C-alpha atoms as a PDB file:
ATOM      1  CA  MET A   1     -19.900   3.784  56.056  1.00  0.00           C
ATOM      2  CA  PHE A   2     -18.918   2.283  52.473  1.00  0.00           C
ATOM      3  CA  ALA A   3     -16.669   0.023  52.141  1.00  0.00           C
ATOM      4  CA  TRP A   4     -15.021  -0.333  49.156  1.00  0.00           C
ATOM      5  CA  LYS A   5     -13.768  -3.291  47.450  1.00  0.00           C
ATOM      6  CA  ILE A   6     -11.318  -3.601  44.547  1.00  0.00           C
ATOM      7  CA  ILE A   7     -11.995  -5.723  41.893  1.00  0.00           C
ATOM      8  CA  PRO A   8      -9.586  -7.052  39.452  1.00  0.00           C
ATOM      9  CA  PRO A   9     -10.133  -6.154  35.725  1.00  0.00           C
ATOM     10  CA  ARG A  10     -11.234  -9.457  33.864  1.00  0.00           C
ATOM     11  CA  THR A  11      -8.998  -9.725  31.377  1.00  0.00           C
ATOM     12  CA  LEU A  12      -8.301 -11.193  27.867  1.00  0.00           C
ATOM     13  CA  ARG A  13      -5.170 -11.965  25.936  1.00  0.00           C
ATOM     14  CA  VAL A  14      -5.792 -11.264  22.407  1.00  0.00           C
ATOM     15  CA  LEU A  15      -3.715 -10.852  19.312  1.00  0.00           C
ATOM     16  CA  LEU A  16      -3.453  -7.109  17.841  1.00  0.00           C
ATOM     17  CA  THR A  17      -2.163  -7.114  15.024  1.00  0.00           C
ATOM     18  CA  VAL A  18      -0.536  -3.140  12.934  1.00  0.00           C
ATOM     19  CA  LEU A  19      -0.722  -1.743   9.616  1.00  0.00           C
ATOM     20  CA  PHE A  20       0.768   1.398   8.816  1.00  0.00           C
ATOM     21  CA  CYS A  21       0.376   3.428   5.968  1.00  0.00           C
ATOM     22  CA  ASP A  22       1.730   6.919   5.373  1.00  0.00           C
ATOM     23  CA  LEU A  23       0.881   9.278   2.114  1.00  0.00           C
ATOM     24  CA  VAL A  24       3.542   8.793  -0.270  1.00  0.00           C
ATOM     25  CA  ASP A  25       5.202  12.319  -1.028  1.00  0.00           C
ATOM     26  CA  SER A  26       3.301  14.843   0.819  1.00  0.00           C
ATOM     27  CA  THR A  27       6.163  16.558   1.551  1.00  0.00           C
ATOM     28  CA  ALA A  28       5.798  17.733  -2.411  1.00  0.00           C
ATOM     29  CA  LEU A  29       2.639  17.804  -2.782  1.00  0.00           C
ATOM     30  CA  ALA A  30       2.584  20.253   0.187  1.00  0.00           C
ATOM     31  CA  SER A  31       4.837  22.207  -1.856  1.00  0.00           C
ATOM     32  CA  GLN A  32       2.553  22.174  -5.185  1.00  0.00           C
ATOM     33  CA  LEU A  33      -0.877  22.389  -3.151  1.00  0.00           C
ATOM     34  CA  ASP A  34      -3.334  25.251  -1.793  1.00  0.00           C
ATOM     35  CA  PRO A  35      -4.116  24.327   1.949  1.00  0.00           C
ATOM     36  CA  GLU A  36      -7.214  23.962   1.759  1.00  0.00           C
ATOM     37  CA  GLU A  37      -6.554  22.004  -1.228  1.00  0.00           C
ATOM     38  CA  LEU A  38      -4.223  19.964  -0.084  1.00  0.00           C
ATOM     39  CA  ARG A  39      -6.756  18.930   3.974  1.00  0.00           C
ATOM     40  CA  GLU A  40      -9.323  18.685   0.475  1.00  0.00           C
ATOM     41  CA  ALA A  41      -6.530  15.814  -0.680  1.00  0.00           C
ATOM     42  CA  VAL A  42      -5.200  14.209   2.654  1.00  0.00           C
ATOM     43  CA  ARG A  43      -9.091  13.701   4.360  1.00  0.00           C
ATOM     44  CA  ALA A  44      -9.847  12.216   0.298  1.00  0.00           C
ATOM     45  CA  TYR A  45      -7.139   9.746   1.231  1.00  0.00           C
ATOM     46  CA  GLN A  46      -8.382   9.193   4.726  1.00  0.00           C
ATOM     47  CA  GLY A  47     -11.878   8.241   3.672  1.00  0.00           C
ATOM     48  CA  ALA A  48     -11.213   5.795   0.820  1.00  0.00           C
ATOM     49  CA  CYS A  49      -9.148   4.157   3.718  1.00  0.00           C
ATOM     50  CA  ALA A  50     -11.566   4.341   6.127  1.00  0.00           C
ATOM     51  CA  LYS A  51     -13.905   2.633   4.083  1.00  0.00           C
ATOM     52  CA  VAL A  52     -11.429  -0.431   3.115  1.00  0.00           C
ATOM     53  CA  ILE A  53     -10.281  -0.515   7.034  1.00  0.00           C
ATOM     54  CA  ALA A  54     -13.717  -0.539   7.942  1.00  0.00           C
ATOM     55  CA  ARG A  55     -14.842  -3.470   5.516  1.00  0.00           C
ATOM     56  CA  PHE A  56     -12.331  -5.539   6.387  1.00  0.00           C
ATOM     57  CA  GLU A  57     -13.193  -5.092  10.307  1.00  0.00           C
ATOM     58  CA  GLY A  58     -10.592  -3.212  11.429  1.00  0.00           C
ATOM     59  CA  HIS A  59      -9.754   0.300  13.613  1.00  0.00           C
ATOM     60  CA  ILE A  60      -8.092   3.945  12.545  1.00  0.00           C
ATOM     61  CA  ALA A  61      -6.010   5.620  15.391  1.00  0.00           C
ATOM     62  CA  PRO A  62      -6.031   9.337  16.065  1.00  0.00           C
ATOM     63  CA  TYR A  63      -5.151  10.242  12.407  1.00  0.00           C
ATOM     64  CA  LEU A  64      -1.832  11.389  12.400  1.00  0.00           C
ATOM     65  CA  GLY A  65      -1.246  13.972   9.733  1.00  0.00           C
ATOM     66  CA  ASP A  66      -1.531  12.136   6.277  1.00  0.00           C
ATOM     67  CA  GLY A  67      -0.853   8.916   7.702  1.00  0.00           C
ATOM     68  CA  LEU A  68      -3.215   6.218   9.367  1.00  0.00           C
ATOM     69  CA  LEU A  69      -2.027   4.147  12.643  1.00  0.00           C
ATOM     70  CA  VAL A  70      -4.569   0.232  11.678  1.00  0.00           C
ATOM     71  CA  TYR A  71      -4.766  -1.705  14.820  1.00  0.00           C
ATOM     72  CA  PHE A  72      -6.471  -5.370  13.809  1.00  0.00           C
ATOM     73  CA  GLY A  73      -7.691  -6.995  16.684  1.00  0.00           C
ATOM     74  CA  TYR A  74      -8.667  -3.673  19.174  1.00  0.00           C
ATOM     75  CA  PRO A  75     -10.808  -2.467  20.197  1.00  0.00           C
ATOM     76  CA  LEU A  76     -12.684  -5.558  19.738  1.00  0.00           C
ATOM     77  CA  ALA A  77     -10.872  -8.870  20.585  1.00  0.00           C
ATOM     78  CA  CYS A  78     -10.990 -10.890  17.991  1.00  0.00           C
ATOM     79  CA  LEU A  79     -11.119 -14.440  18.456  1.00  0.00           C
ATOM     80  CA  PRO A  80     -10.078 -17.095  15.831  1.00  0.00           C
ATOM     81  CA  ALA A  81     -12.899 -19.475  16.349  1.00  0.00           C
ATOM     82  CA  LEU A  82     -15.093 -17.390  15.450  1.00  0.00           C
ATOM     83  CA  ARG A  83     -13.881 -15.083  12.030  1.00  0.00           C
ATOM     84  CA  ASN A  84     -11.014 -15.121  10.627  1.00  0.00           C
ATOM     85  CA  PRO A  85      -8.037 -13.600  13.022  1.00  0.00           C
ATOM     86  CA  ALA A  86      -6.328 -10.115  12.884  1.00  0.00           C
ATOM     87  CA  PRO A  87      -3.598 -11.289  11.147  1.00  0.00           C
ATOM     88  CA  GLU A  88      -5.083 -12.558   8.128  1.00  0.00           C
ATOM     89  CA  ARG A  89      -7.578  -9.712   8.006  1.00  0.00           C
ATOM     90  CA  LEU A  90      -4.245  -6.576   7.390  1.00  0.00           C
ATOM     91  CA  CYS A  91      -3.055  -8.527   4.132  1.00  0.00           C
ATOM     92  CA  PRO A  92      -6.479  -7.970   1.921  1.00  0.00           C
ATOM     93  CA  ALA A  93      -6.362  -4.790   3.590  1.00  0.00           C
ATOM     94  CA  ALA A  94      -3.716  -3.570   2.854  1.00  0.00           C
ATOM     95  CA  GLY A  95      -4.162  -4.611  -0.545  1.00  0.00           C
ATOM     96  CA  GLY A  96      -7.478  -2.825  -0.821  1.00  0.00           C
ATOM     97  CA  LEU A  97      -5.906   0.160   0.308  1.00  0.00           C
ATOM     98  CA  SER A  98      -3.135   0.770  -2.825  1.00  0.00           C
ATOM     99  CA  GLY A  99      -6.485  -0.239  -5.124  1.00  0.00           C
ATOM    100  CA  ALA A 100      -8.296   2.986  -3.195  1.00  0.00           C
ATOM    101  CA  VAL A 101      -6.033   5.350  -3.247  1.00  0.00           C
END
Protein backbone atom coordinates (compact mmCIF):
# COMPACT_ATOMS: atom_id res chain seq x y z
CA MET A 1 0.00 0.00 0.00
CA PHE A 2 1.18 3.51 -0.80
CA ALA A 3 1.37 6.29 1.74
CA TRP A 4 0.50 9.63 0.22
CA LYS A 5 2.21 12.71 1.52
CA ILE A 6 0.54 16.06 0.95
CA ILE A 7 3.09 18.61 -0.12
CA PRO A 8 1.96 22.24 0.00
CA PRO A 9 2.40 24.02 -3.32
CA ARG A 10 5.28 26.42 -3.63
CA THR A 11 3.94 29.91 -3.84
CA LEU A 12 5.38 33.16 -5.03
CA ARG A 13 3.71 36.52 -4.78
CA VAL A 14 3.88 38.34 -8.09
CA LEU A 15 2.53 41.57 -9.44
CA LEU A 16 -0.24 41.02 -11.96
CA THR A 17 -1.32 43.85 -14.22
CA VAL A 18 -4.53 43.56 -16.26
CA LEU A 19 -5.56 45.39 -19.43
CA PHE A 20 -8.94 45.20 -21.13
CA CYS A 21 -9.16 46.24 -24.76
CA ASP A 22 -12.43 46.48 -26.65
CA LEU A 23 -13.32 47.23 -30.26
CA VAL A 24 -15.24 50.52 -30.21
CA ASP A 25 -18.66 50.55 -31.89
CA SER A 26 -18.58 46.85 -32.68
CA THR A 27 -22.36 46.65 -32.39
CA ALA A 28 -22.77 49.27 -35.11
CA LEU A 29 -20.13 47.49 -37.18
CA ALA A 30 -22.01 44.20 -36.77
CA SER A 31 -25.16 45.77 -38.19
CA GLN A 32 -23.29 46.99 -41.27
CA LEU A 33 -21.37 43.82 -42.18
CA ASP A 34 -22.26 40.28 -43.11
CA PRO A 35 -21.39 37.78 -40.35
CA GLU A 36 -18.44 36.46 -42.37
CA GLU A 37 -17.08 39.97 -42.94
CA LEU A 38 -17.51 40.81 -39.26
CA ARG A 39 -15.67 37.64 -38.25
CA GLU A 40 -12.84 38.52 -40.62
CA ALA A 41 -12.63 42.08 -39.25
CA VAL A 42 -12.63 40.90 -35.62
CA ARG A 43 -9.97 38.27 -36.35
CA ALA A 44 -7.79 40.88 -38.07
CA TYR A 45 -8.22 43.15 -35.02
CA GLN A 46 -7.36 40.29 -32.64
CA GLY A 47 -4.32 39.33 -34.71
CA ALA A 48 -2.97 42.88 -34.75
CA CYS A 49 -3.51 43.16 -30.99
CA ALA A 50 -1.89 39.77 -30.33
CA LYS A 51 1.31 40.86 -32.10
CA VAL A 52 1.58 43.98 -29.97
CA ILE A 53 0.77 42.13 -26.75
CA ALA A 54 3.38 39.44 -27.47
CA ARG A 55 6.00 42.13 -28.08
CA PHE A 56 5.44 43.36 -24.51
CA GLU A 57 5.27 39.84 -22.99
CA GLY A 58 1.55 39.97 -22.27
CA HIS A 59 -0.77 36.96 -22.15
CA ILE A 60 -4.25 37.06 -23.71
CA ALA A 61 -6.87 35.29 -21.62
CA PRO A 62 -9.56 33.50 -23.64
CA TYR A 63 -11.00 35.94 -26.15
CA LEU A 64 -14.22 37.64 -25.03
CA GLY A 65 -16.02 38.37 -28.30
CA ASP A 66 -14.38 41.51 -29.63
CA GLY A 67 -12.73 42.26 -26.27
CA LEU A 68 -9.31 41.21 -25.06
CA LEU A 69 -8.39 40.56 -21.46
CA VAL A 70 -4.61 40.78 -21.19
CA TYR A 71 -2.39 39.80 -18.26
CA PHE A 72 1.11 41.10 -17.70
CA GLY A 73 3.03 39.08 -15.14
CA TYR A 74 1.09 35.87 -15.88
CA PRO A 75 1.50 32.99 -16.62
CA LEU A 76 5.19 33.72 -16.18
CA ALA A 77 5.98 35.70 -13.07
CA CYS A 78 7.73 38.97 -13.67
CA LEU A 79 10.69 39.46 -11.38
CA PRO A 80 11.58 43.17 -11.44
CA ALA A 81 15.27 42.48 -10.95
CA LEU A 82 15.34 40.44 -14.18
CA ARG A 83 13.27 42.53 -16.59
CA ASN A 84 10.72 45.31 -16.81
CA PRO A 85 7.92 44.88 -14.28
CA ALA A 86 4.44 44.28 -15.64
CA PRO A 87 3.07 47.81 -15.02
CA GLU A 88 5.94 49.32 -16.98
CA ARG A 89 5.03 47.14 -19.98
CA LEU A 90 1.30 47.90 -19.90
CA CYS A 91 1.45 51.56 -20.96
CA PRO A 92 3.66 51.03 -24.02
CA ALA A 93 1.51 48.02 -24.94
CA ALA A 94 -1.68 50.10 -24.69
CA GLY A 95 -0.11 52.75 -26.91
CA GLY A 96 0.96 50.05 -29.36
CA LEU A 97 -2.58 48.65 -29.44
CA SER A 98 -4.00 52.06 -30.20
CA GLY A 99 -1.53 52.51 -33.04
CA ALA A 100 -2.05 49.02 -34.45
CA VAL A 101 -5.82 49.29 -34.64
